[in-house]
Amino acid sequence: MSDVQVVRSDEKERYEITVDGGVAGYTEFVLASPGRVIYPHTEIDPAFGGRGLGTTLVGEAMADEARRGNTVIPVCPFVIKYLKSHDVPGLKIEWRPRDVEVAESAPTDEKQPGDEGVGDGRG
């Protein structure tokens, strides 16, 4: 069984998910103002696709933001879809209608089950 962990890197402004000590993916964040955090992008290395790591990563990041008392502004289609289908106790969300509209038509379904198409390397 693999050792999977989610860690916050303030230096890189992202949460990373590691598998057996190696980074398998990340979800980026940007501090919009004190207590307000934008989530613009999530990416899982294709070598780790189909394991549900995107869902685990975003779920843990959102739970941590809730514990910190922050308001999340989801921009990444994967984060938006995650938040629309999962309850995160105590999390405050600032929905931006245009981002939700774009996310609803974004192709975030992966061929393999689990990660719902989280990033394939945006460059």
Protein backbone atom coordinates (compact mmCIF):
# COMPACT_ATOMS: atom_id res chain seq x y z
CA MET A 1 0.00 0.00 0.00
CA SER A 2 1.31 3.46 -0.94
CA ASP A 3 1.95 6.22 1.58
CA VAL A 4 -0.20 9.19 0.44
CA GLN A 5 0.11 12.58 2.16
CA VAL A 6 -1.16 16.10 1.51
CA VAL A 7 1.07 18.96 2.64
CA ARG A 8 0.73 22.72 2.38
CA SER A 9 3.68 24.61 0.91
CA ASP A 10 3.32 28.32 1.64
CA GLU A 11 6.61 28.93 -0.17
CA LYS A 12 5.22 27.43 -3.42
CA GLU A 13 1.66 28.64 -2.72
CA ARG A 14 0.14 25.21 -3.18
CA TYR A 15 -0.93 22.02 -1.51
CA GLU A 16 0.97 18.98 -2.75
CA ILE A 17 -0.05 15.36 -2.70
CA THR A 18 2.80 12.91 -2.36
CA VAL A 19 2.88 9.18 -2.99
CA ASP A 20 5.70 7.33 -1.29
CA GLY A 21 7.54 10.65 -0.80
CA GLY A 22 7.32 11.88 -4.41
CA VAL A 23 5.07 14.74 -5.53
CA ALA A 24 2.17 13.32 -7.54
CA GLY A 25 0.22 16.57 -7.94
CA TYR A 26 -0.76 19.91 -6.52
CA THR A 27 -3.49 22.50 -6.24
CA GLU A 28 -2.29 26.11 -6.38
CA PHE A 29 -3.59 28.94 -4.24
CA VAL A 30 -3.20 32.71 -4.29
CA LEU A 31 -3.94 34.95 -1.32
CA ALA A 32 -6.48 37.47 -2.67
CA SER A 33 -6.64 39.40 0.60
CA PRO A 34 -6.37 38.41 4.25
CA GLY A 35 -8.70 35.45 4.78
CA ARG A 36 -9.61 35.08 1.06
CA VAL A 37 -7.83 32.46 -1.05
CA ILE A 38 -8.18 31.86 -4.80
CA TYR A 39 -7.70 28.34 -6.21
CA PRO A 40 -6.72 28.75 -9.90
CA HIS A 41 -5.30 25.36 -10.91
CA THR A 42 -5.01 21.71 -9.91
CA GLU A 43 -2.77 19.15 -11.56
CA ILE A 44 -2.07 15.46 -11.07
CA ASP A 45 0.86 13.82 -12.86
CA PRO A 46 -0.67 11.49 -15.50
CA ALA A 47 1.48 8.65 -14.12
CA PHE A 48 -0.70 8.81 -10.98
CA GLY A 49 -4.07 9.18 -12.75
CA GLY A 50 -7.08 7.09 -11.87
CA ARG A 51 -6.27 6.76 -8.17
CA GLY A 52 -8.56 9.47 -6.81
CA LEU A 53 -5.60 11.63 -5.82
CA GLY A 54 -7.18 14.83 -7.16
CA THR A 55 -10.22 14.30 -4.98
CA THR A 56 -8.06 13.52 -1.94
CA LEU A 57 -5.83 16.53 -2.57
CA VAL A 58 -8.61 19.07 -3.01
CA GLY A 59 -10.64 17.59 -0.16
CA GLU A 60 -7.76 17.93 2.29
CA ALA A 61 -6.86 21.43 1.04
CA MET A 62 -10.46 22.61 1.48
CA ALA A 63 -10.71 21.06 4.95
CA ASP A 64 -7.51 22.88 5.93
CA GLU A 65 -8.85 26.19 4.60
CA ALA A 66 -12.01 25.64 6.66
CA ARG A 67 -9.89 25.02 9.80
CA ARG A 68 -7.99 28.24 9.06
CA GLY A 69 -11.28 30.17 8.77
CA ASN A 70 -10.51 31.29 5.20
CA THR A 71 -12.95 31.96 2.39
CA VAL A 72 -12.16 29.99 -0.75
CA ILE A 73 -12.67 31.50 -4.20
CA PRO A 74 -12.67 28.53 -6.59
CA VAL A 75 -11.55 29.27 -10.16
CA CYS A 76 -10.11 25.87 -11.13
CA PRO A 77 -12.88 23.77 -12.76
CA PHE A 78 -11.89 20.72 -10.72
CA VAL A 79 -12.08 22.63 -7.42
CA ILE A 80 -15.45 24.12 -8.43
CA LYS A 81 -16.87 20.70 -9.31
CA TYR A 82 -15.46 19.24 -6.12
CA LEU A 83 -17.09 21.93 -3.97
CA LYS A 84 -20.42 21.59 -5.79
CA SER A 85 -20.55 17.87 -5.01
CA HIS A 86 -18.88 17.66 -1.57
CA ASP A 87 -19.78 19.33 1.70
CA VAL A 88 -16.79 20.76 3.56
CA PRO A 89 -17.91 21.59 7.11
CA GLY A 90 -17.16 25.17 8.07
CA LEU A 91 -15.80 26.19 4.66
CA LYS A 92 -16.82 29.61 3.37
CA ILE A 93 -17.01 29.80 -0.42
CA GLU A 94 -17.15 32.89 -2.61
CA TRP A 95 -18.66 31.76 -5.91
CA ARG A 96 -17.87 33.80 -9.02
CA PRO A 97 -20.68 33.12 -11.53
CA ARG A 98 -18.49 33.25 -14.64
CA ASP A 99 -16.01 30.73 -13.21
CA VAL A 100 -18.86 28.37 -12.27
CA GLU A 101 -20.31 28.69 -15.76
CA VAL A 102 -16.95 27.86 -17.36
CA ALA A 103 -16.39 24.93 -14.98
CA GLU A 104 -19.76 23.42 -15.82
CA SER A 105 -18.72 23.04 -19.45
CA ALA A 106 -15.06 22.15 -18.78
CA PRO A 107 -13.94 18.64 -19.69
CA THR A 108 -12.90 17.38 -16.26
CA ASP A 109 -13.84 13.73 -16.73
CA GLU A 110 -10.83 11.50 -17.03
CA LYS A 111 -10.92 8.27 -19.01
CA GLN A 112 -9.96 6.38 -15.85
CA PRO A 113 -12.06 6.74 -12.69
CA GLY A 114 -10.87 8.80 -9.80
CA ASP A 115 -9.28 12.10 -10.69
CA GLU A 116 -12.01 13.50 -12.93
CA GLY A 117 -9.45 14.78 -15.42
CA VAL A 118 -7.32 16.92 -13.15
CA GLY A 119 -4.57 18.60 -15.17
CA ASP A 120 -2.39 16.93 -17.73
CA GLY A 121 0.46 19.41 -17.74
CA ARG A 122 -0.35 22.97 -18.66
CA GLY A 123 3.28 23.85 -19.26
